[in-house]
Amino acid sequence: MHSLPRLTRCFLALAVLLLCAGSVLAQPTGKAAKGRKRYAFAQRDEESQYVYNVSKNTDEEQDVDGSFTRVGYRTYTEMVAELGALKKLHDWADTTYQRRVGNVPPGGVLTIVIHRQGPKNADLGNLTLTVTDKEGKTVLNQTLAASTGRFFGRDLYQAKAIIPFPSLAPQDLDVSIRDAKLYQTFDYTLKLPAAQ
């Protein structure tokens, strides 16, 4: 003999089905539900020698779903050397050169470039940047300032951010960029070099 009447059991079964259906509807669909594919071993970025891609992030993928995101890193030493070359090229006064060198962040800069389908999707305000060390301590955490992308080609739009980076000892850092619009996270490893 059952302890609950049949009507109560049916009502409970229906409630459980509705809860399950609601949670399924709230989940992202398509590629966002699967997440980004990851490399078995982090791959060195073609443009930045200090950045290693953990998530697969290729030009082919931007053609499929407009999800291209690239992180770069430039050291203080590289930026000052570039300013030295520009000083010679443009015949800058010493005060102009010193002012520009004074504006270079001591930890260098992170550059973030995205390509997205449609101008509204290329808003950097959709991105949250998190940088952590190997112990899990947060080094940098910020939502990027809202911006509009510029036309890049076909239906792709490009946006770029340059973020001053704190001065740190040489170490490996985990960089994660969360795109709230795509429901995707792009992961990288940043290998900070010794001061030169």
C-alpha atoms as a PDB file:
ATOM      1  CA  MET A   1       0.000   0.000   0.000  1.00  0.00           C
ATOM      2  CA  HIS A   2       1.341   3.465  -0.925  1.00  0.00           C
ATOM      3  CA  SER A   3       1.707   6.150   1.742  1.00  0.00           C
ATOM      4  CA  LEU A   4       0.871   9.070  -0.626  1.00  0.00           C
ATOM      5  CA  PRO A   5      -2.371   9.338  -2.566  1.00  0.00           C
ATOM      6  CA  ARG A   6      -2.093   8.933  -6.306  1.00  0.00           C
ATOM      7  CA  LEU A   7      -2.988  12.579  -7.055  1.00  0.00           C
ATOM      8  CA  THR A   8      -0.167  13.810  -4.778  1.00  0.00           C
ATOM      9  CA  ARG A   9       2.361  11.509  -6.474  1.00  0.00           C
ATOM     10  CA  CYS A  10       1.320  12.790  -9.926  1.00  0.00           C
ATOM     11  CA  PHE A  11       1.569  16.386  -8.756  1.00  0.00           C
ATOM     12  CA  LEU A  12       5.093  15.811  -7.353  1.00  0.00           C
ATOM     13  CA  ALA A  13       6.212  14.075 -10.559  1.00  0.00           C
ATOM     14  CA  LEU A  14       4.888  16.979 -12.642  1.00  0.00           C
ATOM     15  CA  ALA A  15       6.667  19.510 -10.396  1.00  0.00           C
ATOM     16  CA  VAL A  16       9.980  17.636 -10.767  1.00  0.00           C
ATOM     17  CA  LEU A  17       9.583  17.539 -14.570  1.00  0.00           C
ATOM     18  CA  LEU A  18       8.863  21.275 -14.710  1.00  0.00           C
ATOM     19  CA  LEU A  19      11.940  22.058 -12.587  1.00  0.00           C
ATOM     20  CA  CYS A  20      14.141  19.940 -14.836  1.00  0.00           C
ATOM     21  CA  ALA A  21      12.718  21.557 -17.975  1.00  0.00           C
ATOM     22  CA  GLY A  22      13.290  25.050 -16.540  1.00  0.00           C
ATOM     23  CA  SER A  23      16.938  24.329 -15.773  1.00  0.00           C
ATOM     24  CA  VAL A  24      17.466  22.935 -19.287  1.00  0.00           C
ATOM     25  CA  LEU A  25      15.954  26.066 -20.853  1.00  0.00           C
ATOM     26  CA  ALA A  26      18.212  28.341 -18.766  1.00  0.00           C
ATOM     27  CA  GLN A  27      21.414  26.696 -20.047  1.00  0.00           C
ATOM     28  CA  PRO A  28      23.334  28.202 -22.978  1.00  0.00           C
ATOM     29  CA  THR A  29      22.932  26.347 -26.240  1.00  0.00           C
ATOM     30  CA  GLY A  30      25.151  25.509 -29.202  1.00  0.00           C
ATOM     31  CA  LYS A  31      28.906  26.026 -28.952  1.00  0.00           C
ATOM     32  CA  ALA A  32      28.512  28.067 -25.756  1.00  0.00           C
ATOM     33  CA  ALA A  33      27.083  25.012 -23.973  1.00  0.00           C
ATOM     34  CA  LYS A  34      30.047  22.883 -25.037  1.00  0.00           C
ATOM     35  CA  GLY A  35      32.650  25.437 -23.965  1.00  0.00           C
ATOM     36  CA  ARG A  36      35.862  26.160 -25.792  1.00  0.00           C
ATOM     37  CA  LYS A  37      38.129  23.369 -26.942  1.00  0.00           C
ATOM     38  CA  ARG A  38      41.505  23.256 -25.192  1.00  0.00           C
ATOM     39  CA  TYR A  39      44.952  22.319 -26.412  1.00  0.00           C
ATOM     40  CA  ALA A  40      46.581  19.266 -24.836  1.00  0.00           C
ATOM     41  CA  PHE A  41      49.666  21.487 -24.349  1.00  0.00           C
ATOM     42  CA  ALA A  42      49.508  25.282 -24.289  1.00  0.00           C
ATOM     43  CA  GLN A  43      50.567  26.749 -27.654  1.00  0.00           C
ATOM     44  CA  ARG A  44      52.838  29.806 -27.937  1.00  0.00           C
ATOM     45  CA  ASP A  45      51.042  32.736 -29.525  1.00  0.00           C
ATOM     46  CA  GLU A  46      52.296  33.708 -32.985  1.00  0.00           C
ATOM     47  CA  GLU A  47      52.487  37.426 -32.163  1.00  0.00           C
ATOM     48  CA  SER A  48      53.460  37.568 -28.468  1.00  0.00           C
ATOM     49  CA  GLN A  49      56.330  35.410 -27.228  1.00  0.00           C
ATOM     50  CA  TYR A  50      55.177  35.637 -23.589  1.00  0.00           C
ATOM     51  CA  VAL A  51      51.597  34.394 -24.171  1.00  0.00           C
ATOM     52  CA  TYR A  52      50.551  30.753 -24.512  1.00  0.00           C
ATOM     53  CA  ASN A  53      47.047  29.843 -25.702  1.00  0.00           C
ATOM     54  CA  VAL A  54      45.296  27.276 -23.530  1.00  0.00           C
ATOM     55  CA  SER A  55      41.907  27.567 -25.277  1.00  0.00           C
ATOM     56  CA  LYS A  56      41.794  26.926 -29.009  1.00  0.00           C
ATOM     57  CA  ASN A  57      41.457  30.299 -30.647  1.00  0.00           C
ATOM     58  CA  THR A  58      42.074  30.230 -34.365  1.00  0.00           C
ATOM     59  CA  ASP A  59      41.252  32.335 -37.396  1.00  0.00           C
ATOM     60  CA  GLU A  60      39.004  29.521 -38.638  1.00  0.00           C
ATOM     61  CA  GLU A  61      36.809  29.799 -35.555  1.00  0.00           C
ATOM     62  CA  GLN A  62      36.240  33.504 -36.132  1.00  0.00           C
ATOM     63  CA  ASP A  63      34.837  32.611 -39.550  1.00  0.00           C
ATOM     64  CA  VAL A  64      32.399  30.151 -37.963  1.00  0.00           C
ATOM     65  CA  ASP A  65      31.093  31.998 -34.916  1.00  0.00           C
ATOM     66  CA  GLY A  66      33.032  35.267 -34.596  1.00  0.00           C
ATOM     67  CA  SER A  67      34.765  34.303 -31.374  1.00  0.00           C
ATOM     68  CA  PHE A  68      38.377  35.359 -32.021  1.00  0.00           C
ATOM     69  CA  THR A  69      40.129  36.789 -28.933  1.00  0.00           C
ATOM     70  CA  ARG A  70      43.874  37.427 -28.739  1.00  0.00           C
ATOM     71  CA  VAL A  71      45.989  38.494 -25.756  1.00  0.00           C
ATOM     72  CA  GLY A  72      49.416  40.049 -26.139  1.00  0.00           C
ATOM     73  CA  TYR A  73      51.990  41.337 -23.676  1.00  0.00           C
ATOM     74  CA  ARG A  74      54.669  44.005 -24.130  1.00  0.00           C
ATOM     75  CA  THR A  75      57.401  44.556 -21.552  1.00  0.00           C
ATOM     76  CA  TYR A  76      58.537  47.922 -20.241  1.00  0.00           C
ATOM     77  CA  THR A  77      61.954  47.401 -21.874  1.00  0.00           C
ATOM     78  CA  GLU A  78      60.423  46.712 -25.312  1.00  0.00           C
ATOM     79  CA  MET A  79      58.234  49.803 -25.121  1.00  0.00           C
ATOM     80  CA  VAL A  80      61.121  52.081 -24.073  1.00  0.00           C
ATOM     81  CA  ALA A  81      63.309  50.674 -26.877  1.00  0.00           C
ATOM     82  CA  GLU A  82      60.523  51.438 -29.370  1.00  0.00           C
ATOM     83  CA  LEU A  83      60.289  55.006 -28.049  1.00  0.00           C
ATOM     84  CA  GLY A  84      64.077  55.351 -28.491  1.00  0.00           C
ATOM     85  CA  ALA A  85      63.754  54.344 -32.146  1.00  0.00           C
ATOM     86  CA  LEU A  86      60.840  56.760 -32.633  1.00  0.00           C
ATOM     87  CA  LYS A  87      62.874  59.584 -31.033  1.00  0.00           C
ATOM     88  CA  LYS A  88      65.585  59.138 -33.638  1.00  0.00           C
ATOM     89  CA  LEU A  89      63.088  58.804 -36.485  1.00  0.00           C
ATOM     90  CA  HIS A  90      61.030  61.884 -35.565  1.00  0.00           C
ATOM     91  CA  ASP A  91      63.875  63.940 -34.031  1.00  0.00           C
ATOM     92  CA  TRP A  92      61.952  64.444 -30.771  1.00  0.00           C
ATOM     93  CA  ALA A  93      63.190  66.854 -28.133  1.00  0.00           C
ATOM     94  CA  ASP A  94      64.506  65.260 -24.928  1.00  0.00           C
ATOM     95  CA  THR A  95      61.502  66.565 -22.978  1.00  0.00           C
ATOM     96  CA  THR A  96      59.084  64.880 -25.386  1.00  0.00           C
ATOM     97  CA  TYR A  97      60.996  61.619 -25.113  1.00  0.00           C
ATOM     98  CA  GLN A  98      61.173  61.765 -21.297  1.00  0.00           C
ATOM     99  CA  ARG A  99      57.438  62.542 -21.054  1.00  0.00           C
ATOM    100  CA  ARG A 100      56.576  59.533 -23.215  1.00  0.00           C
ATOM    101  CA  VAL A 101      58.922  57.219 -21.298  1.00  0.00           C
ATOM    102  CA  GLY A 102      57.332  58.460 -18.063  1.00  0.00           C
ATOM    103  CA  ASN A 103      53.915  57.320 -19.347  1.00  0.00           C
ATOM    104  CA  VAL A 104      55.051  53.721 -19.926  1.00  0.00           C
ATOM    105  CA  PRO A 105      53.665  51.447 -17.167  1.00  0.00           C
ATOM    106  CA  PRO A 106      56.510  49.798 -15.184  1.00  0.00           C
ATOM    107  CA  GLY A 107      54.949  46.346 -15.607  1.00  0.00           C
ATOM    108  CA  GLY A 108      54.352  46.695 -19.337  1.00  0.00           C
ATOM    109  CA  VAL A 109      50.921  46.332 -20.947  1.00  0.00           C
ATOM    110  CA  LEU A 110      48.436  43.630 -21.882  1.00  0.00           C
ATOM    111  CA  THR A 111      46.728  44.068 -25.230  1.00  0.00           C
ATOM    112  CA  ILE A 112      43.389  42.430 -25.951  1.00  0.00           C
ATOM    113  CA  VAL A 113      42.050  42.241 -29.507  1.00  0.00           C
ATOM    114  CA  ILE A 114      38.659  40.750 -30.310  1.00  0.00           C
ATOM    115  CA  HIS A 115      36.816  40.028 -33.554  1.00  0.00           C
ATOM    116  CA  ARG A 116      33.074  39.497 -33.264  1.00  0.00           C
ATOM    117  CA  GLN A 117      30.157  39.172 -35.650  1.00  0.00           C
ATOM    118  CA  GLY A 118      28.102  42.356 -35.620  1.00  0.00           C
ATOM    119  CA  PRO A 119      28.979  45.743 -34.089  1.00  0.00           C
ATOM    120  CA  LYS A 120      27.072  45.167 -30.818  1.00  0.00           C
ATOM    121  CA  ASN A 121      29.008  41.975 -30.072  1.00  0.00           C
ATOM    122  CA  ALA A 122      32.370  43.791 -30.387  1.00  0.00           C
ATOM    123  CA  ASP A 123      31.725  45.754 -27.183  1.00  0.00           C
ATOM    124  CA  LEU A 124      34.700  45.327 -24.820  1.00  0.00           C
ATOM    125  CA  GLY A 125      32.282  45.958 -21.929  1.00  0.00           C
ATOM    126  CA  ASN A 126      31.174  42.312 -22.359  1.00  0.00           C
ATOM    127  CA  LEU A 127      34.649  41.124 -21.283  1.00  0.00           C
ATOM    128  CA  THR A 128      35.922  40.465 -17.771  1.00  0.00           C
ATOM    129  CA  LEU A 129      39.687  40.011 -17.394  1.00  0.00           C
ATOM    130  CA  THR A 130      41.058  37.951 -14.502  1.00  0.00           C
ATOM    131  CA  VAL A 131      44.769  37.318 -13.923  1.00  0.00           C
ATOM    132  CA  THR A 132      45.838  34.927 -11.152  1.00  0.00           C
ATOM    133  CA  ASP A 133      49.154  33.509 -10.017  1.00  0.00           C
ATOM    134  CA  LYS A 134      49.812  29.775  -9.615  1.00  0.00           C
ATOM    135  CA  GLU A 135      48.609  29.868  -5.968  1.00  0.00           C
ATOM    136  CA  GLY A 136      45.264  31.277  -7.130  1.00  0.00           C
ATOM    137  CA  LYS A 137      45.830  34.811  -5.803  1.00  0.00           C
ATOM    138  CA  THR A 138      44.186  37.455  -8.006  1.00  0.00           C
ATOM    139  CA  VAL A 139      46.715  39.856  -9.543  1.00  0.00           C
ATOM    140  CA  LEU A 140      44.305  41.785 -11.780  1.00  0.00           C
ATOM    141  CA  ASN A 141      40.522  41.630 -12.091  1.00  0.00           C
ATOM    142  CA  GLN A 142      38.490  44.100 -14.115  1.00  0.00           C
ATOM    143  CA  THR A 143      35.591  44.466 -16.480  1.00  0.00           C
ATOM    144  CA  LEU A 144      36.784  46.337 -19.546  1.00  0.00           C
ATOM    145  CA  ALA A 145      35.363  49.724 -20.449  1.00  0.00           C
ATOM    146  CA  ALA A 146      32.500  49.712 -22.925  1.00  0.00           C
ATOM    147  CA  SER A 147      33.490  50.518 -26.504  1.00  0.00           C
ATOM    148  CA  THR A 148      32.328  50.069 -30.044  1.00  0.00           C
ATOM    149  CA  GLY A 149      34.118  47.942 -32.575  1.00  0.00           C
ATOM    150  CA  ARG A 150      35.216  49.080 -36.001  1.00  0.00           C
ATOM    151  CA  PHE A 151      34.471  47.212 -39.208  1.00  0.00           C
ATOM    152  CA  PHE A 152      37.088  44.542 -39.881  1.00  0.00           C
ATOM    153  CA  GLY A 153      35.781  42.632 -42.887  1.00  0.00           C
ATOM    154  CA  ARG A 154      32.725  40.651 -43.992  1.00  0.00           C
ATOM    155  CA  ASP A 155      30.463  40.791 -40.914  1.00  0.00           C
ATOM    156  CA  LEU A 156      33.331  40.953 -38.381  1.00  0.00           C
ATOM    157  CA  TYR A 157      34.059  43.925 -36.138  1.00  0.00           C
ATOM    158  CA  GLN A 158      37.295  44.497 -34.196  1.00  0.00           C
ATOM    159  CA  ALA A 159      37.905  46.137 -30.815  1.00  0.00           C
ATOM    160  CA  LYS A 160      41.196  46.599 -28.954  1.00  0.00           C
ATOM    161  CA  ALA A 161      42.124  47.411 -25.352  1.00  0.00           C
ATOM    162  CA  ILE A 162      45.509  48.257 -23.853  1.00  0.00           C
ATOM    163  CA  ILE A 163      45.690  47.569 -20.119  1.00  0.00           C
ATOM    164  CA  PRO A 164      48.569  48.724 -17.877  1.00  0.00           C
ATOM    165  CA  PHE A 165      50.028  45.728 -16.068  1.00  0.00           C
ATOM    166  CA  PRO A 166      51.400  45.739 -12.515  1.00  0.00           C
ATOM    167  CA  SER A 167      55.142  45.251 -12.056  1.00  0.00           C
ATOM    168  CA  LEU A 168      55.735  41.668 -10.899  1.00  0.00           C
ATOM    169  CA  ALA A 169      58.608  39.231 -10.458  1.00  0.00           C
ATOM    170  CA  PRO A 170      59.164  36.699 -13.284  1.00  0.00           C
ATOM    171  CA  GLN A 171      56.479  34.018 -12.997  1.00  0.00           C
ATOM    172  CA  ASP A 172      53.722  32.175 -14.855  1.00  0.00           C
ATOM    173  CA  LEU A 173      50.261  33.717 -14.585  1.00  0.00           C
ATOM    174  CA  ASP A 174      46.856  32.398 -15.637  1.00  0.00           C
ATOM    175  CA  VAL A 175      44.873  34.870 -17.750  1.00  0.00           C
ATOM    176  CA  SER A 176      41.157  34.336 -18.248  1.00  0.00           C
ATOM    177  CA  ILE A 177      38.809  36.464 -20.367  1.00  0.00           C
ATOM    178  CA  ARG A 178      35.096  35.841 -19.868  1.00  0.00           C
ATOM    179  CA  ASP A 179      32.758  37.029 -22.628  1.00  0.00           C
ATOM    180  CA  ALA A 180      29.300  37.544 -21.084  1.00  0.00           C
ATOM    181  CA  LYS A 181      27.653  37.812 -24.507  1.00  0.00           C
ATOM    182  CA  LEU A 182      29.078  34.546 -25.902  1.00  0.00           C
ATOM    183  CA  TYR A 183      29.034  32.633 -22.577  1.00  0.00           C
ATOM    184  CA  GLN A 184      32.634  31.640 -23.314  1.00  0.00           C
ATOM    185  CA  THR A 185      35.915  31.894 -21.450  1.00  0.00           C
ATOM    186  CA  PHE A 186      39.268  32.269 -23.206  1.00  0.00           C
ATOM    187  CA  ASP A 187      42.248  30.986 -21.191  1.00  0.00           C
ATOM    188  CA  TYR A 188      45.927  31.833 -21.563  1.00  0.00           C
ATOM    189  CA  THR A 189      49.218  31.462 -19.702  1.00  0.00           C
ATOM    190  CA  LEU A 190      51.396  34.562 -19.423  1.00  0.00           C
ATOM    191  CA  LYS A 191      55.091  33.922 -18.773  1.00  0.00           C
ATOM    192  CA  LEU A 192      56.473  37.134 -17.311  1.00  0.00           C
ATOM    193  CA  PRO A 193      60.149  37.592 -18.212  1.00  0.00           C
ATOM    194  CA  ALA A 194      62.911  38.811 -15.913  1.00  0.00           C
ATOM    195  CA  ALA A 195      63.541  42.565 -16.034  1.00  0.00           C
ATOM    196  CA  GLN A 196      65.995  43.351 -18.833  1.00  0.00           C
END
